Amino acid sequence: MMPAWYIQNIQTIKQDLNGYLIMKNIISILCAIVFLFSACSDNSGAQSKKDHVWKEQTDAIEKAKEVEGMVQDSADEQRKLIEEQTQ
């Protein structure tokens, strides 16, 4: 049978270890959060809002929308001409 002081020391050590592990996890989580926020911050003040990673792709989409509008207008005119000729 173990003495009472030995059991109390073991319990105290377990509590200290649990507290240490919890604190270690909290510190790890806080470091990860700080890292993520610092990695996602936009510190480049010289870069305008229109300059971004997908600028070429968004420019191509805008140009395609313009071309689509022109094609639609041309198709409407052609449709009108065909209707006029059939009447």
Foldseek 3Di string as FASTA:
>chain_A
DDDPVVVVVVVVVVVVVVVVVVVVVVVVVVVVVVVVVVVPDDPPPVDDPCDDDCNVVVVVVVVVVVVVVVVVVVVVVVVVVVVVVVD
